[in-house]
Amino acid sequence: MSHKLLVAVEGGANSVFTVVYAAQACAGGQDPERGGMVIFHVLPPLPPSVESGDAAVTRELARRFDAENRNAATLRLKQLRNQAIQQGAEPELVRTAVAENGEGVLDQILRAATIHGCDTIVVGRRGQSLIKEFLAGSVMERLVWKPLGFAVWIVEHPRSGEAL
């Protein structure tokens, strides 16, 4: 059975573990119509400290902030794509996508999964306790409890100091 995965990643090292897990779980899927993965990243919002009293200055700072984040995300996604391929995912079945943070991250993930025809959403879980994540209202927690129409895989990351 092939799955088409949307692997939602952040900028940290835990993203590598999530992508490697997803690639290993689905390596060997040969059906380009059903299988594959989209490694997906949502750009961070503009920090309030960037805003100034001058609208033109704010626009220019926002443009620079967006360009820097987009370039960093594109480079990171390229590295993650290479990791997936090294783990056995077929190169033609691994794509990447970046989204603006114009609305909530969860909404962006759901929209991307729909647009790319994915049936499964893969997210990583940092080492904090489930109670902390629940109280913080993490994206992972909301994915699990909100009926979405997608399968959700939660990848537990190793504790710091443990090998991948």
Protein backbone atom coordinates (compact mmCIF):
# COMPACT_ATOMS: atom_id res chain seq x y z
CA MET A 1 0.00 0.00 0.00
CA SER A 2 1.39 3.41 -0.95
CA HIS A 3 0.85 6.57 1.00
CA LYS A 4 1.35 10.10 -0.15
CA LEU A 5 2.83 11.90 2.82
CA LEU A 6 2.94 15.54 3.76
CA VAL A 7 5.91 15.75 6.12
CA ALA A 8 5.59 19.00 8.07
CA VAL A 9 8.99 20.22 9.26
CA GLU A 10 10.51 23.08 11.18
CA GLY A 11 14.01 24.42 10.92
CA GLY A 12 15.60 22.33 13.68
CA ALA A 13 17.58 19.11 13.72
CA ASN A 14 14.48 17.11 14.69
CA SER A 15 13.18 17.62 11.15
CA VAL A 16 15.90 15.30 9.85
CA PHE A 17 14.68 12.51 12.13
CA THR A 18 11.07 13.01 10.99
CA VAL A 19 12.01 12.94 7.28
CA VAL A 20 14.30 9.91 7.70
CA TYR A 21 11.53 8.02 9.52
CA ALA A 22 8.95 8.84 6.84
CA ALA A 23 11.34 7.95 4.00
CA GLN A 24 12.27 4.62 5.58
CA ALA A 25 8.63 3.79 6.29
CA CYS A 26 7.65 4.38 2.66
CA ALA A 27 10.86 3.53 0.79
CA GLY A 28 10.25 1.36 -2.21
CA GLY A 29 6.85 2.81 -3.08
CA GLN A 30 7.01 2.93 -6.87
CA ASP A 31 3.58 4.26 -7.79
CA PRO A 32 3.92 7.96 -8.68
CA GLU A 33 0.14 8.30 -8.78
CA ARG A 34 -0.28 7.29 -5.11
CA GLY A 35 3.07 7.28 -3.34
CA GLY A 36 5.64 9.82 -2.45
CA MET A 37 6.14 12.65 -0.06
CA VAL A 38 6.01 16.40 0.11
CA ILE A 39 8.38 17.91 2.66
CA PHE A 40 6.58 21.05 3.81
CA HIS A 41 7.64 24.12 5.79
CA VAL A 42 5.61 27.15 6.87
CA LEU A 43 7.56 30.40 6.99
CA PRO A 44 7.52 32.24 10.33
CA PRO A 45 5.41 35.37 10.70
CA LEU A 46 6.92 38.82 10.65
CA PRO A 47 8.06 39.66 14.20
CA PRO A 48 6.45 42.76 15.72
CA SER A 49 9.91 44.30 16.24
CA VAL A 50 10.23 44.71 12.45
CA GLU A 51 7.36 47.17 12.26
CA SER A 52 8.25 50.84 12.32
CA GLY A 53 6.31 54.07 12.07
CA ASP A 54 7.31 54.44 8.42
CA ALA A 55 5.26 52.16 6.15
CA ALA A 56 7.93 52.08 3.42
CA VAL A 57 10.61 51.05 5.92
CA THR A 58 8.34 48.34 7.35
CA ARG A 59 7.62 46.97 3.85
CA GLU A 60 11.34 46.85 3.04
CA LEU A 61 12.18 45.12 6.35
CA ALA A 62 9.34 42.65 5.79
CA ARG A 63 10.58 41.94 2.25
CA ARG A 64 14.11 41.26 3.53
CA PHE A 65 12.85 39.12 6.41
CA ASP A 66 10.71 37.07 4.02
CA ALA A 67 13.53 36.68 1.47
CA GLU A 68 16.01 35.51 4.13
CA ASN A 69 13.53 33.04 5.61
CA ARG A 70 12.49 31.75 2.19
CA ASN A 71 16.12 31.22 1.14
CA ALA A 72 16.94 29.43 4.41
CA ALA A 73 13.82 27.25 4.13
CA THR A 74 14.54 26.37 0.50
CA LEU A 75 18.09 25.33 1.35
CA ARG A 76 16.91 23.32 4.38
CA LEU A 77 14.20 21.57 2.34
CA LYS A 78 16.77 20.65 -0.31
CA GLN A 79 18.93 19.05 2.41
CA LEU A 80 15.93 17.18 3.84
CA ARG A 81 14.94 15.97 0.37
CA ASN A 82 18.45 14.58 -0.09
CA GLN A 83 18.15 12.82 3.28
CA ALA A 84 14.89 11.19 2.17
CA ILE A 85 16.48 10.00 -1.07
CA GLN A 86 19.48 8.59 0.81
CA GLN A 87 17.01 6.58 2.92
CA GLY A 88 15.50 4.94 -0.15
CA ALA A 89 12.75 7.28 -1.31
CA GLU A 90 12.55 7.54 -5.10
CA PRO A 91 13.87 10.99 -6.18
CA GLU A 92 10.95 11.66 -8.53
CA LEU A 93 8.50 11.02 -5.68
CA VAL A 94 10.00 13.52 -3.21
CA ARG A 95 8.92 17.14 -3.53
CA THR A 96 9.26 20.18 -1.31
CA ALA A 97 6.98 23.12 -0.63
CA VAL A 98 7.12 26.35 1.37
CA ALA A 99 4.07 28.28 2.56
CA GLU A 100 3.61 31.78 3.89
CA ASN A 101 2.50 32.08 7.47
CA GLY A 102 -0.49 34.19 6.52
CA GLU A 103 -2.80 32.08 8.63
CA GLY A 104 -2.35 29.43 11.28
CA VAL A 105 0.26 26.73 10.77
CA LEU A 106 -2.34 23.98 11.17
CA ASP A 107 -4.51 25.50 8.44
CA GLN A 108 -1.48 25.77 6.15
CA ILE A 109 -0.59 22.11 6.75
CA LEU A 110 -4.15 20.96 6.02
CA ARG A 111 -4.35 23.10 2.88
CA ALA A 112 -1.02 21.78 1.60
CA ALA A 113 -2.03 18.17 2.27
CA THR A 114 -5.20 18.74 0.26
CA ILE A 115 -3.48 20.59 -2.60
CA HIS A 116 -0.79 17.92 -2.95
CA GLY A 117 -3.26 15.01 -2.73
CA CYS A 118 -1.72 13.59 0.43
CA ASP A 119 -3.54 11.02 2.56
CA THR A 120 -1.17 11.12 5.54
CA ILE A 121 0.34 14.00 7.54
CA VAL A 122 3.62 13.31 9.34
CA VAL A 123 4.79 15.55 12.18
CA GLY A 124 7.57 15.23 14.71
CA ARG A 125 7.09 15.44 18.44
CA ARG A 126 9.76 17.14 20.47
CA GLY A 127 10.87 15.55 23.71
CA GLN A 128 8.50 17.49 25.95
CA SER A 129 5.74 15.70 27.80
CA LEU A 130 2.36 15.10 26.20
CA ILE A 131 0.75 17.13 29.00
CA LYS A 132 2.96 20.15 28.15
CA GLU A 133 2.13 19.82 24.46
CA PHE A 134 -1.58 19.48 25.24
CA LEU A 135 -1.57 22.57 27.46
CA ALA A 136 0.45 24.54 24.91
CA GLY A 137 -2.00 23.60 22.16
CA SER A 138 0.70 22.38 19.79
CA VAL A 139 0.05 21.72 16.12
CA MET A 140 0.63 18.03 16.81
CA GLU A 141 -2.03 17.98 19.54
CA ARG A 142 -4.55 19.78 17.34
CA LEU A 143 -3.88 17.39 14.44
CA VAL A 144 -4.62 14.41 16.68
CA TRP A 145 -7.86 15.73 18.16
CA LYS A 146 -9.44 17.58 15.24
CA PRO A 147 -11.21 15.32 12.73
CA LEU A 148 -9.38 16.08 9.50
CA GLY A 149 -9.84 13.27 6.99
CA PHE A 150 -6.11 12.47 7.02
CA ALA A 151 -4.11 9.79 8.76
CA VAL A 152 -1.64 11.41 11.16
CA TRP A 153 1.76 9.93 11.97
CA ILE A 154 3.55 11.37 14.98
CA VAL A 155 7.28 10.67 15.02
CA GLU A 156 8.87 10.67 18.47
CA HIS A 157 12.29 12.27 18.31
CA PRO A 158 15.15 10.78 20.29
CA ARG A 159 16.15 12.60 23.46
CA SER A 160 19.20 14.81 23.12
CA GLY A 161 22.35 12.73 23.16
CA GLU A 162 20.65 9.66 21.63
CA ALA A 163 21.68 8.58 18.17
CA LEU A 164 19.32 8.93 15.24
